[in-house]
Amino acid sequence: MCDLGYLLLNRRLKVSDQPKDQTMTRHFKIAAALLTLASPAMAESHMSSAVLAGAEDFRKCKSCHEIADGGKTIVTGGKTGPNLFGVLGRRAGSVAGFKYGDDLVRAGEAGLVWNEALLAEYIQDPRTFLQDRLGDGAARSRMSFKLRKGAEDVAAYLGSF
């Protein structure tokens, strides 16, 4: 990619005989092409940093949660909370064999399916999230821990499984 950018940018030396508006148009097209080529690499880099930061922050969650795919444990953790493997795209309160709080099950039955944004919001303040989601000021979550900083990274990390 760097070699391509170098070649494209050095071509500008050969367009000096063209009218200024054509030269600017050509430079603009070259810049747009370079940004298009660089965007996937920048997005992957950002995603990787969020996932790495989330892995670090997930250490706070391990006391209650594990990440396991069937019989294969990926991240050893407690069993107080549900297994978080494949949590994104899953209906809230639906892991078979886990005893969820009634309000989280009710939210799932009402259509709550976890995505990164919703999971991050829940992790920051589970009780308030359920109260807002269900429109019930008495709603409670069995998860009392609040991760005010890094919730988006943890959600990105969990999305990698």
Protein backbone atom coordinates (compact mmCIF):
# COMPACT_ATOMS: atom_id res chain seq x y z
CA MET A 1 0.00 0.00 0.00
CA CYS A 2 2.84 2.44 0.78
CA ASP A 3 4.48 1.73 -2.57
CA LEU A 4 1.20 2.41 -4.36
CA GLY A 5 0.77 5.67 -2.46
CA TYR A 6 4.34 6.70 -3.28
CA LEU A 7 3.84 6.00 -6.98
CA LEU A 8 0.51 7.82 -7.11
CA LEU A 9 1.79 10.87 -5.25
CA ASN A 10 4.96 11.12 -7.34
CA ARG A 11 2.85 11.20 -10.51
CA ARG A 12 1.79 14.73 -9.55
CA LEU A 13 5.15 15.97 -10.78
CA LYS A 14 4.15 15.00 -14.30
CA VAL A 15 0.85 16.86 -14.37
CA SER A 16 2.23 20.39 -14.00
CA ASP A 17 1.49 21.13 -17.66
CA GLN A 18 -2.23 20.59 -17.11
CA PRO A 19 -4.59 23.41 -16.12
CA LYS A 20 -4.79 23.95 -12.36
CA ASP A 21 -8.40 22.69 -11.99
CA GLN A 22 -7.51 19.37 -13.70
CA THR A 23 -4.45 18.99 -11.48
CA MET A 24 -6.54 19.59 -8.35
CA THR A 25 -9.16 17.11 -9.53
CA ARG A 26 -6.50 14.51 -10.14
CA HIS A 27 -4.92 15.09 -6.71
CA PHE A 28 -8.33 14.84 -5.12
CA LYS A 29 -8.97 11.51 -6.85
CA ILE A 30 -5.58 10.20 -5.74
CA ALA A 31 -6.24 11.24 -2.15
CA ALA A 32 -9.67 9.58 -2.22
CA ALA A 33 -8.12 6.37 -3.60
CA LEU A 34 -5.49 6.35 -0.86
CA LEU A 35 -8.10 6.87 1.85
CA THR A 36 -10.20 4.07 0.41
CA LEU A 37 -7.23 1.72 0.48
CA ALA A 38 -6.24 2.73 4.01
CA SER A 39 -9.72 2.62 5.60
CA PRO A 40 -9.94 -1.17 6.17
CA ALA A 41 -6.50 -1.21 7.77
CA MET A 42 -7.38 1.69 10.06
CA ALA A 43 -10.71 0.12 11.02
CA GLU A 44 -9.04 -3.21 11.77
CA SER A 45 -6.40 -1.46 13.86
CA HIS A 46 -9.07 0.40 15.85
CA MET A 47 -11.13 -2.73 16.31
CA SER A 48 -8.10 -4.63 17.51
CA SER A 49 -7.25 -1.96 20.07
CA ALA A 50 -10.84 -1.98 21.39
CA VAL A 51 -10.79 -5.78 21.64
CA LEU A 52 -7.41 -5.72 23.39
CA ALA A 53 -8.58 -3.06 25.84
CA GLY A 54 -11.77 -5.07 26.40
CA ALA A 55 -9.76 -8.20 27.17
CA GLU A 56 -7.91 -6.23 29.83
CA ASP A 57 -11.14 -4.79 31.30
CA PHE A 58 -12.85 -8.20 31.19
CA ARG A 59 -10.56 -9.30 34.02
CA LYS A 60 -13.01 -7.46 36.30
CA CYS A 61 -15.86 -9.59 34.94
CA LYS A 62 -14.12 -12.97 35.28
CA SER A 63 -15.03 -13.34 38.93
CA CYS A 64 -18.62 -13.97 37.81
CA HIS A 65 -18.46 -14.87 34.09
CA GLU A 66 -16.66 -17.39 31.94
CA ILE A 67 -16.37 -17.62 28.18
CA ALA A 68 -16.76 -21.20 26.99
CA ASP A 69 -17.75 -22.75 23.67
CA GLY A 70 -19.48 -25.97 24.58
CA GLY A 71 -16.94 -27.99 26.54
CA LYS A 72 -14.00 -25.79 25.53
CA THR A 73 -13.21 -23.07 28.08
CA ILE A 74 -11.76 -19.98 26.43
CA VAL A 75 -11.62 -17.71 29.48
CA THR A 76 -11.87 -19.32 32.89
CA GLY A 77 -14.17 -17.46 35.22
CA GLY A 78 -16.88 -17.76 37.81
CA LYS A 79 -20.31 -19.27 37.37
CA THR A 80 -22.30 -16.64 39.26
CA GLY A 81 -23.09 -14.99 35.92
CA PRO A 82 -23.96 -16.67 32.62
CA ASN A 83 -21.44 -17.90 30.05
CA LEU A 84 -20.78 -14.96 27.72
CA PHE A 85 -19.69 -16.92 24.64
CA GLY A 86 -21.78 -15.69 21.69
CA VAL A 87 -23.62 -13.10 23.77
CA LEU A 88 -23.95 -10.64 20.87
CA GLY A 89 -26.98 -11.56 18.82
CA ARG A 90 -28.46 -13.56 21.70
CA ARG A 91 -31.80 -12.78 23.31
CA ALA A 92 -31.29 -11.43 26.83
CA GLY A 93 -31.82 -13.92 29.64
CA SER A 94 -31.78 -16.99 27.41
CA VAL A 95 -28.75 -19.19 28.25
CA ALA A 96 -30.18 -22.63 28.99
CA GLY A 97 -29.61 -23.80 32.54
CA PHE A 98 -28.77 -20.38 33.97
CA LYS A 99 -31.14 -18.82 36.52
CA TYR A 100 -31.58 -15.19 35.45
CA GLY A 101 -33.41 -12.48 37.32
CA ASP A 102 -37.05 -12.11 36.34
CA ASP A 103 -36.61 -8.61 34.91
CA LEU A 104 -33.79 -9.57 32.54
CA VAL A 105 -35.85 -12.53 31.32
CA ARG A 106 -38.81 -10.18 30.87
CA ALA A 107 -36.64 -7.80 28.82
CA GLY A 108 -35.56 -10.70 26.60
CA GLU A 109 -39.15 -11.83 26.16
CA ALA A 110 -40.00 -8.24 25.18
CA GLY A 111 -37.43 -8.49 22.34
CA LEU A 112 -34.10 -7.40 23.85
CA VAL A 113 -31.30 -8.91 21.77
CA TRP A 114 -27.75 -7.98 22.73
CA ASN A 115 -25.61 -5.94 20.36
CA GLU A 116 -22.43 -4.05 21.24
CA ALA A 117 -24.16 -0.77 22.05
CA LEU A 118 -26.90 -2.30 24.22
CA LEU A 119 -24.50 -4.58 26.05
CA ALA A 120 -22.14 -1.67 26.78
CA GLU A 121 -25.06 0.37 28.11
CA TYR A 122 -26.18 -2.54 30.32
CA ILE A 123 -22.66 -3.12 31.68
CA GLN A 124 -22.40 0.54 32.73
CA ASP A 125 -25.52 0.42 34.92
CA PRO A 126 -27.60 -2.79 34.75
CA ARG A 127 -30.45 -1.67 37.03
CA THR A 128 -31.01 1.68 35.29
CA PHE A 129 -30.77 -0.05 31.89
CA LEU A 130 -33.55 -2.50 32.79
CA GLN A 131 -35.69 0.20 34.39
CA ASP A 132 -35.46 2.32 31.24
CA ARG A 133 -35.89 -0.61 28.87
CA LEU A 134 -38.92 -2.03 30.68
CA GLY A 135 -40.44 1.31 31.74
CA ASP A 136 -40.56 -0.06 35.29
CA GLY A 137 -38.88 1.87 38.10
CA ALA A 138 -38.90 -1.25 40.26
CA ALA A 139 -36.97 -3.40 37.75
CA ARG A 140 -33.77 -4.91 39.11
CA SER A 141 -30.76 -6.77 37.76
CA ARG A 142 -28.93 -9.54 39.56
CA MET A 143 -25.72 -8.02 38.20
CA SER A 144 -24.76 -5.36 40.73
CA PHE A 145 -21.33 -4.52 39.26
CA LYS A 146 -21.15 -1.33 37.16
CA LEU A 147 -18.31 -0.87 34.67
CA ARG A 148 -18.50 2.86 34.05
CA LYS A 149 -15.27 3.04 32.04
CA GLY A 150 -14.39 0.56 29.29
CA ALA A 151 -17.84 -0.97 28.76
CA GLU A 152 -17.67 -0.39 24.99
CA ASP A 153 -14.32 -2.19 24.86
CA VAL A 154 -15.66 -5.14 26.86
CA ALA A 155 -18.63 -5.38 24.49
CA ALA A 156 -16.22 -5.35 21.51
CA TYR A 157 -14.13 -8.05 23.19
CA LEU A 158 -17.19 -10.22 23.80
CA GLY A 159 -18.17 -9.71 20.17
CA SER A 160 -14.95 -11.41 19.14
CA PHE A 161 -16.28 -14.78 20.42
